[in-house]
Amino acid sequence: MSLSEMLQKREIQKVGPDGKTAEKLLKVSQDAVVAAEDNLKMKHNDVALSLAYNAMLNAGRALMTAKGYRAYSETHHKSVVGFCATVLPTESSQLVGLFNRYRIRRHDIVYGEIEGGSVGESEAKGAIDKAKEFIQLVKSKIS
């Protein structure tokens, strides 16, 4: 979907670019990765995956903010993923696809009927690694 389609569907809105807020969001992303790693060490894999996803979400929000956009609240998480899919290079589509997968996984963990312990250590570790990669990608596109 294009940015103009996302604007028409009211999934995102155009605002002024805000580099200062984008930097703050990247800091929040990096802090979430550290917290995810700490939770992984404590075997709280569900929490670690959720934090890794939140790191990606805030990095995506940083990208939006830096480019002068923001997501509408009703579809906020999905819109951030969609925006990233639209503006990031095609070669990062697999990474953005994982971002979306973690969005769904996190939703199931928080709101679904998934029992605790549903996330394995390797899945949580993979999410953390991908969150780090995603943050670096976003940083390269903002600088």
N, C-alpha and C. Protein backbone atom coordinates (compact mmCIF):
# COMPACT_ATOMS: atom_id res chain seq x y z
N MET A 1 0.85 -1.17 0.00
CA MET A 1 0.00 0.00 0.00
C MET A 1 0.90 1.23 0.00
N SER A 2 0.49 2.25 -0.70
CA SER A 2 1.28 3.48 -0.78
C SER A 2 0.94 4.41 0.39
N LEU A 3 1.79 5.41 0.60
CA LEU A 3 1.52 6.38 1.66
C LEU A 3 0.23 7.13 1.37
N SER A 4 -0.01 7.47 0.11
CA SER A 4 -1.24 8.21 -0.21
C SER A 4 -2.48 7.36 0.09
N GLU A 5 -2.40 6.04 -0.14
CA GLU A 5 -3.52 5.16 0.19
C GLU A 5 -3.70 5.09 1.71
N MET A 6 -2.59 5.02 2.42
CA MET A 6 -2.68 4.98 3.88
C MET A 6 -3.27 6.29 4.43
N LEU A 7 -2.91 7.40 3.81
CA LEU A 7 -3.47 8.69 4.21
C LEU A 7 -4.97 8.73 3.92
N GLN A 8 -5.38 8.26 2.73
CA GLN A 8 -6.80 8.25 2.36
C GLN A 8 -7.61 7.37 3.30
N LYS A 9 -7.06 6.24 3.69
CA LYS A 9 -7.76 5.31 4.58
C LYS A 9 -7.68 5.76 6.05
N ARG A 10 -7.02 6.87 6.28
CA ARG A 10 -6.87 7.44 7.61
C ARG A 10 -6.16 6.47 8.57
N GLU A 11 -5.18 5.75 8.03
CA GLU A 11 -4.34 4.90 8.87
C GLU A 11 -3.18 5.70 9.42
N ILE A 12 -2.75 6.70 8.65
CA ILE A 12 -1.68 7.60 9.07
C ILE A 12 -2.11 9.02 8.76
N GLN A 13 -1.42 9.97 9.37
CA GLN A 13 -1.65 11.37 9.03
C GLN A 13 -0.32 12.08 8.91
N LYS A 14 -0.32 13.11 8.09
CA LYS A 14 0.88 13.90 7.86
C LYS A 14 1.00 14.94 8.97
N VAL A 15 2.18 15.03 9.54
CA VAL A 15 2.51 16.03 10.56
C VAL A 15 3.90 16.56 10.23
N GLY A 16 4.35 17.53 10.94
CA GLY A 16 5.71 18.03 10.71
C GLY A 16 6.75 17.04 11.21
N PRO A 17 7.87 16.89 10.48
CA PRO A 17 8.95 16.03 10.95
C PRO A 17 9.47 16.51 12.31
N ASP A 18 9.83 15.58 13.17
CA ASP A 18 10.28 15.91 14.51
C ASP A 18 11.47 15.02 14.87
N GLY A 19 12.65 15.49 14.53
CA GLY A 19 13.87 14.72 14.79
C GLY A 19 14.14 14.47 16.26
N LYS A 20 13.79 15.43 17.10
CA LYS A 20 14.04 15.29 18.54
C LYS A 20 13.20 14.15 19.12
N THR A 21 11.94 14.09 18.75
CA THR A 21 11.08 13.01 19.22
C THR A 21 11.53 11.68 18.64
N ALA A 22 11.96 11.69 17.39
CA ALA A 22 12.46 10.46 16.77
C ALA A 22 13.65 9.91 17.55
N GLU A 23 14.55 10.78 17.96
CA GLU A 23 15.71 10.35 18.76
C GLU A 23 15.28 9.77 20.10
N LYS A 24 14.29 10.40 20.73
CA LYS A 24 13.78 9.88 22.01
C LYS A 24 13.17 8.50 21.82
N LEU A 25 12.42 8.31 20.74
CA LEU A 25 11.81 7.01 20.47
C LEU A 25 12.86 5.94 20.21
N LEU A 26 13.94 6.30 19.55
CA LEU A 26 15.02 5.34 19.33
C LEU A 26 15.67 4.95 20.66
N LYS A 27 15.81 5.90 21.55
CA LYS A 27 16.37 5.60 22.88
C LYS A 27 15.45 4.65 23.63
N VAL A 28 14.14 4.89 23.55
CA VAL A 28 13.17 4.00 24.19
C VAL A 28 13.29 2.60 23.58
N SER A 29 13.49 2.53 22.27
CA SER A 29 13.66 1.24 21.59
C SER A 29 14.88 0.50 22.12
N GLN A 30 15.97 1.20 22.23
CA GLN A 30 17.20 0.57 22.71
C GLN A 30 17.06 0.10 24.16
N ASP A 31 16.37 0.89 24.97
CA ASP A 31 16.12 0.49 26.36
C ASP A 31 15.25 -0.76 26.42
N ALA A 32 14.28 -0.86 25.53
CA ALA A 32 13.40 -2.04 25.49
C ALA A 32 14.19 -3.29 25.12
N VAL A 33 15.17 -3.16 24.25
CA VAL A 33 16.01 -4.30 23.89
C VAL A 33 16.79 -4.78 25.11
N VAL A 34 17.34 -3.85 25.87
CA VAL A 34 18.08 -4.21 27.08
C VAL A 34 17.14 -4.93 28.06
N ALA A 35 15.94 -4.40 28.23
CA ALA A 35 14.97 -5.04 29.13
C ALA A 35 14.58 -6.42 28.61
N ALA A 36 14.46 -6.55 27.30
CA ALA A 36 14.13 -7.86 26.70
C ALA A 36 15.24 -8.86 27.00
N GLU A 37 16.49 -8.43 26.85
CA GLU A 37 17.62 -9.32 27.14
C GLU A 37 17.64 -9.73 28.60
N ASP A 38 17.34 -8.79 29.48
CA ASP A 38 17.29 -9.11 30.91
C ASP A 38 16.20 -10.14 31.20
N ASN A 39 15.04 -9.97 30.58
CA ASN A 39 13.94 -10.92 30.80
C ASN A 39 14.25 -12.28 30.20
N LEU A 40 14.97 -12.30 29.10
CA LEU A 40 15.38 -13.58 28.51
C LEU A 40 16.28 -14.34 29.48
N LYS A 41 17.20 -13.63 30.11
CA LYS A 41 18.09 -14.26 31.10
C LYS A 41 17.31 -14.85 32.26
N MET A 42 16.19 -14.21 32.60
CA MET A 42 15.36 -14.68 33.71
C MET A 42 14.32 -15.71 33.26
N LYS A 43 14.42 -16.12 31.97
CA LYS A 43 13.51 -17.13 31.40
C LYS A 43 12.07 -16.63 31.26
N HIS A 44 11.89 -15.30 31.19
CA HIS A 44 10.58 -14.71 30.93
C HIS A 44 10.47 -14.46 29.42
N ASN A 45 10.37 -15.54 28.67
CA ASN A 45 10.43 -15.46 27.21
C ASN A 45 9.26 -14.68 26.61
N ASP A 46 8.06 -14.84 27.16
CA ASP A 46 6.91 -14.09 26.65
C ASP A 46 7.14 -12.58 26.80
N VAL A 47 7.63 -12.20 27.96
CA VAL A 47 7.90 -10.78 28.22
C VAL A 47 9.03 -10.29 27.31
N ALA A 48 10.05 -11.10 27.13
CA ALA A 48 11.18 -10.74 26.28
C ALA A 48 10.71 -10.49 24.84
N LEU A 49 9.86 -11.38 24.33
CA LEU A 49 9.35 -11.18 22.96
C LEU A 49 8.51 -9.91 22.89
N SER A 50 7.66 -9.69 23.86
CA SER A 50 6.83 -8.48 23.87
C SER A 50 7.68 -7.21 23.89
N LEU A 51 8.73 -7.24 24.70
CA LEU A 51 9.62 -6.07 24.76
C LEU A 51 10.40 -5.88 23.46
N ALA A 52 10.81 -6.97 22.85
CA ALA A 52 11.50 -6.87 21.55
C ALA A 52 10.57 -6.27 20.51
N TYR A 53 9.31 -6.71 20.52
CA TYR A 53 8.33 -6.12 19.60
C TYR A 53 8.14 -4.63 19.89
N ASN A 54 8.03 -4.28 21.18
CA ASN A 54 7.87 -2.86 21.53
C ASN A 54 9.07 -2.04 21.06
N ALA A 55 10.24 -2.63 21.10
CA ALA A 55 11.43 -1.94 20.58
C ALA A 55 11.26 -1.65 19.09
N MET A 56 10.78 -2.64 18.36
CA MET A 56 10.56 -2.46 16.92
C MET A 56 9.45 -1.43 16.67
N LEU A 57 8.39 -1.49 17.47
CA LEU A 57 7.29 -0.55 17.32
C LEU A 57 7.77 0.89 17.51
N ASN A 58 8.55 1.12 18.56
CA ASN A 58 9.03 2.48 18.82
C ASN A 58 10.06 2.93 17.79
N ALA A 59 10.83 2.00 17.26
CA ALA A 59 11.75 2.36 16.16
C ALA A 59 10.93 2.74 14.93
N GLY A 60 9.88 2.00 14.66
CA GLY A 60 9.00 2.33 13.54
C GLY A 60 8.33 3.68 13.74
N ARG A 61 7.91 3.95 14.96
CA ARG A 61 7.33 5.27 15.27
C ARG A 61 8.37 6.37 15.09
N ALA A 62 9.63 6.07 15.44
CA ALA A 62 10.70 7.05 15.24
C ALA A 62 10.86 7.36 13.76
N LEU A 63 10.81 6.33 12.93
CA LEU A 63 10.91 6.54 11.48
C LEU A 63 9.75 7.40 10.99
N MET A 64 8.56 7.08 11.44
CA MET A 64 7.39 7.87 11.04
C MET A 64 7.55 9.33 11.46
N THR A 65 7.94 9.55 12.70
CA THR A 65 8.09 10.89 13.24
C THR A 65 9.15 11.68 12.47
N ALA A 66 10.25 11.03 12.18
CA ALA A 66 11.33 11.69 11.45
C ALA A 66 10.89 12.08 10.04
N LYS A 67 10.01 11.28 9.45
CA LYS A 67 9.52 11.54 8.08
C LYS A 67 8.29 12.44 8.07
N GLY A 68 7.77 12.78 9.25
CA GLY A 68 6.63 13.69 9.32
C GLY A 68 5.27 13.01 9.24
N TYR A 69 5.16 11.84 9.84
CA TYR A 69 3.89 11.11 9.87
C TYR A 69 3.64 10.59 11.27
N ARG A 70 2.39 10.23 11.52
CA ARG A 70 2.04 9.50 12.73
C ARG A 70 0.84 8.62 12.43
N ALA A 71 0.71 7.58 13.24
CA ALA A 71 -0.37 6.62 13.05
C ALA A 71 -1.61 7.07 13.81
N TYR A 72 -2.77 6.73 13.26
CA TYR A 72 -4.01 6.95 13.99
C TYR A 72 -4.11 5.93 15.11
N SER A 73 -4.75 6.30 16.19
CA SER A 73 -4.76 5.44 17.37
C SER A 73 -5.52 4.13 17.16
N GLU A 74 -6.57 4.12 16.38
CA GLU A 74 -7.37 2.90 16.21
C GLU A 74 -6.55 1.75 15.62
N THR A 75 -5.69 2.06 14.69
CA THR A 75 -4.91 1.03 14.00
C THR A 75 -3.42 1.27 14.18
N HIS A 76 -3.08 1.82 15.31
CA HIS A 76 -1.72 2.30 15.54
C HIS A 76 -0.63 1.27 15.22
N HIS A 77 -0.65 0.13 15.85
CA HIS A 77 0.41 -0.85 15.67
C HIS A 77 0.47 -1.33 14.22
N LYS A 78 -0.66 -1.68 13.66
CA LYS A 78 -0.70 -2.17 12.28
C LYS A 78 -0.26 -1.08 11.30
N SER A 79 -0.63 0.15 11.58
CA SER A 79 -0.25 1.26 10.70
C SER A 79 1.24 1.52 10.71
N VAL A 80 1.87 1.37 11.87
CA VAL A 80 3.33 1.56 11.96
C VAL A 80 4.03 0.50 11.10
N VAL A 81 3.57 -0.74 11.21
CA VAL A 81 4.15 -1.81 10.40
C VAL A 81 3.94 -1.51 8.92
N GLY A 82 2.73 -1.11 8.56
CA GLY A 82 2.41 -0.79 7.16
C GLY A 82 3.26 0.36 6.62
N PHE A 83 3.45 1.38 7.44
CA PHE A 83 4.29 2.51 7.04
C PHE A 83 5.72 2.03 6.77
N CYS A 84 6.25 1.23 7.68
CA CYS A 84 7.61 0.71 7.51
C CYS A 84 7.72 -0.12 6.24
N ALA A 85 6.71 -0.93 5.97
CA ALA A 85 6.71 -1.75 4.75
C ALA A 85 6.73 -0.88 3.50
N THR A 86 6.11 0.28 3.60
CA THR A 86 6.02 1.18 2.45
C THR A 86 7.29 1.98 2.22
N VAL A 87 7.90 2.47 3.30
CA VAL A 87 9.04 3.39 3.12
C VAL A 87 10.42 2.74 3.20
N LEU A 88 10.50 1.57 3.82
CA LEU A 88 11.81 0.92 3.89
C LEU A 88 12.11 0.18 2.59
N PRO A 89 13.37 -0.01 2.29
CA PRO A 89 13.75 -0.65 1.02
C PRO A 89 13.21 -2.08 0.91
N THR A 90 13.00 -2.51 -0.30
CA THR A 90 12.46 -3.83 -0.58
C THR A 90 13.29 -4.94 0.06
N GLU A 91 14.59 -4.76 0.10
CA GLU A 91 15.45 -5.80 0.67
C GLU A 91 15.23 -6.00 2.18
N SER A 92 14.51 -5.09 2.81
CA SER A 92 14.21 -5.26 4.24
C SER A 92 12.80 -5.81 4.45
N SER A 93 12.15 -6.29 3.40
CA SER A 93 10.77 -6.77 3.52
C SER A 93 10.66 -7.98 4.45
N GLN A 94 11.66 -8.84 4.48
CA GLN A 94 11.62 -9.99 5.38
C GLN A 94 11.66 -9.52 6.84
N LEU A 95 12.49 -8.53 7.12
CA LEU A 95 12.58 -7.99 8.47
C LEU A 95 11.26 -7.32 8.88
N VAL A 96 10.67 -6.57 7.96
CA VAL A 96 9.37 -5.94 8.25
C VAL A 96 8.29 -7.01 8.42
N GLY A 97 8.40 -8.09 7.67
CA GLY A 97 7.47 -9.21 7.83
C GLY A 97 7.57 -9.82 9.23
N LEU A 98 8.78 -9.93 9.74
CA LEU A 98 8.97 -10.43 11.11
C LEU A 98 8.41 -9.44 12.13
N PHE A 99 8.58 -8.15 11.87
CA PHE A 99 8.00 -7.11 12.72
C PHE A 99 6.48 -7.35 12.82
N ASN A 100 5.85 -7.60 11.69
CA ASN A 100 4.40 -7.86 11.70
C ASN A 100 4.08 -9.17 12.43
N ARG A 101 4.90 -10.19 12.24
CA ARG A 101 4.68 -11.46 12.93
C ARG A 101 4.77 -11.27 14.44
N TYR A 102 5.74 -10.49 14.90
CA TYR A 102 5.88 -10.23 16.32
C TYR A 102 4.72 -9.37 16.84
N ARG A 103 4.18 -8.52 15.98
CA ARG A 103 3.00 -7.73 16.36
C ARG A 103 1.83 -8.66 16.68
N ILE A 104 1.61 -9.62 15.81
CA ILE A 104 0.52 -10.57 16.01
C ILE A 104 0.79 -11.46 17.22
N ARG A 105 2.01 -11.90 17.34
CA ARG A 105 2.40 -12.77 18.46
C ARG A 105 2.22 -12.05 19.79
N ARG A 106 2.67 -10.81 19.84
CA ARG A 106 2.53 -10.00 21.06
C ARG A 106 1.05 -9.79 21.39
N HIS A 107 0.23 -9.54 20.38
CA HIS A 107 -1.20 -9.36 20.59
C HIS A 107 -1.80 -10.62 21.21
N ASP A 108 -1.42 -11.77 20.69
CA ASP A 108 -1.92 -13.04 21.23
C ASP A 108 -1.47 -13.25 22.67
N ILE A 109 -0.24 -12.86 22.97
CA ILE A 109 0.29 -13.02 24.33
C ILE A 109 -0.47 -12.11 25.30
N VAL A 110 -0.69 -10.87 24.90
CA VAL A 110 -1.30 -9.89 25.79
C VAL A 110 -2.81 -10.05 25.87
N TYR A 111 -3.48 -10.26 24.73
CA TYR A 111 -4.94 -10.25 24.70
C TYR A 111 -5.58 -11.60 24.42
N GLY A 112 -4.81 -12.52 23.92
CA GLY A 112 -5.37 -13.81 23.52
C GLY A 112 -5.51 -14.78 24.67
N GLU A 113 -5.81 -15.98 24.30
CA GLU A 113 -5.98 -17.05 25.29
C GLU A 113 -4.75 -17.95 25.30
N ILE A 114 -3.61 -17.36 25.04
CA ILE A 114 -2.35 -18.10 25.04
C ILE A 114 -1.89 -18.27 26.48
N GLU A 115 -1.49 -19.46 26.81
CA GLU A 115 -0.99 -19.71 28.16
C GLU A 115 0.43 -19.17 28.30
N GLY A 116 0.77 -18.80 29.52
CA GLY A 116 2.14 -18.37 29.79
C GLY A 116 3.12 -19.46 29.39
N GLY A 117 4.28 -19.06 28.96
CA GLY A 117 5.28 -20.03 28.54
C GLY A 117 5.14 -20.49 27.11
N SER A 118 4.31 -19.79 26.34
CA SER A 118 4.10 -20.20 24.95
C SER A 118 5.24 -19.80 24.03
N VAL A 119 6.12 -18.93 24.48
CA VAL A 119 7.25 -18.47 23.67
C VAL A 119 8.50 -19.21 24.14
N GLY A 120 9.16 -19.86 23.22
CA GLY A 120 10.39 -20.56 23.54
C GLY A 120 11.57 -19.60 23.60
N GLU A 121 12.65 -20.06 24.20
CA GLU A 121 13.84 -19.24 24.34
C GLU A 121 14.40 -18.82 22.98
N SER A 122 14.43 -19.74 22.03
CA SER A 122 14.99 -19.39 20.71
C SER A 122 14.12 -18.37 19.99
N GLU A 123 12.80 -18.46 20.15
CA GLU A 123 11.92 -17.47 19.52
C GLU A 123 12.13 -16.09 20.13
N ALA A 124 12.23 -16.04 21.45
CA ALA A 124 12.46 -14.76 22.12
C ALA A 124 13.82 -14.18 21.74
N LYS A 125 14.84 -15.03 21.71
CA LYS A 125 16.19 -14.57 21.32
C LYS A 125 16.18 -14.06 19.89
N GLY A 126 15.49 -14.77 19.00
CA GLY A 126 15.38 -14.33 17.62
C GLY A 126 14.70 -12.98 17.50
N ALA A 127 13.65 -12.77 18.29
CA ALA A 127 12.95 -11.49 18.28
C ALA A 127 13.86 -10.36 18.74
N ILE A 128 14.65 -10.62 19.75
CA ILE A 128 15.59 -9.60 20.24
C ILE A 128 16.62 -9.27 19.17
N ASP A 129 17.17 -10.29 18.54
CA ASP A 129 18.17 -10.07 17.49
C ASP A 129 17.58 -9.27 16.34
N LYS A 130 16.35 -9.60 15.95
CA LYS A 130 15.70 -8.88 14.85
C LYS A 130 15.35 -7.46 15.25
N ALA A 131 15.01 -7.25 16.53
CA ALA A 131 14.73 -5.90 17.00
C ALA A 131 15.99 -5.03 16.89
N LYS A 132 17.13 -5.60 17.26
CA LYS A 132 18.40 -4.86 17.13
C LYS A 132 18.67 -4.51 15.67
N GLU A 133 18.46 -5.46 14.80
CA GLU A 133 18.67 -5.25 13.37
C GLU A 133 17.73 -4.17 12.84
N PHE A 134 16.48 -4.22 13.27
CA PHE A 134 15.49 -3.25 12.82
C PHE A 134 15.83 -1.85 13.30
N ILE A 135 16.26 -1.73 14.55
CA ILE A 135 16.64 -0.42 15.07
C ILE A 135 17.80 0.15 14.26
N GLN A 136 18.79 -0.67 13.93
CA GLN A 136 19.92 -0.19 13.14
C GLN A 136 19.46 0.26 11.74
N LEU A 137 18.54 -0.48 11.16
CA LEU A 137 18.00 -0.11 9.84
C LEU A 137 17.31 1.24 9.93
N VAL A 138 16.48 1.43 10.93
CA VAL A 138 15.77 2.69 11.10
C VAL A 138 16.74 3.83 11.33
N LYS A 139 17.74 3.60 12.17
CA LYS A 139 18.75 4.65 12.41
C LYS A 139 19.41 5.08 11.11
N SER A 140 19.71 4.11 10.25
CA SER A 140 20.38 4.43 8.97
C SER A 140 19.46 5.24 8.06
N LYS A 141 18.17 5.07 8.17
CA LYS A 141 17.22 5.79 7.33
C LYS A 141 16.88 7.17 7.88
N ILE A 142 17.10 7.36 9.18
CA ILE A 142 16.82 8.66 9.80
C ILE A 142 18.02 9.58 9.66
N SER A 143 19.24 9.05 9.79
CA SER A 143 20.46 9.89 9.75
C SER A 143 20.67 10.52 8.41
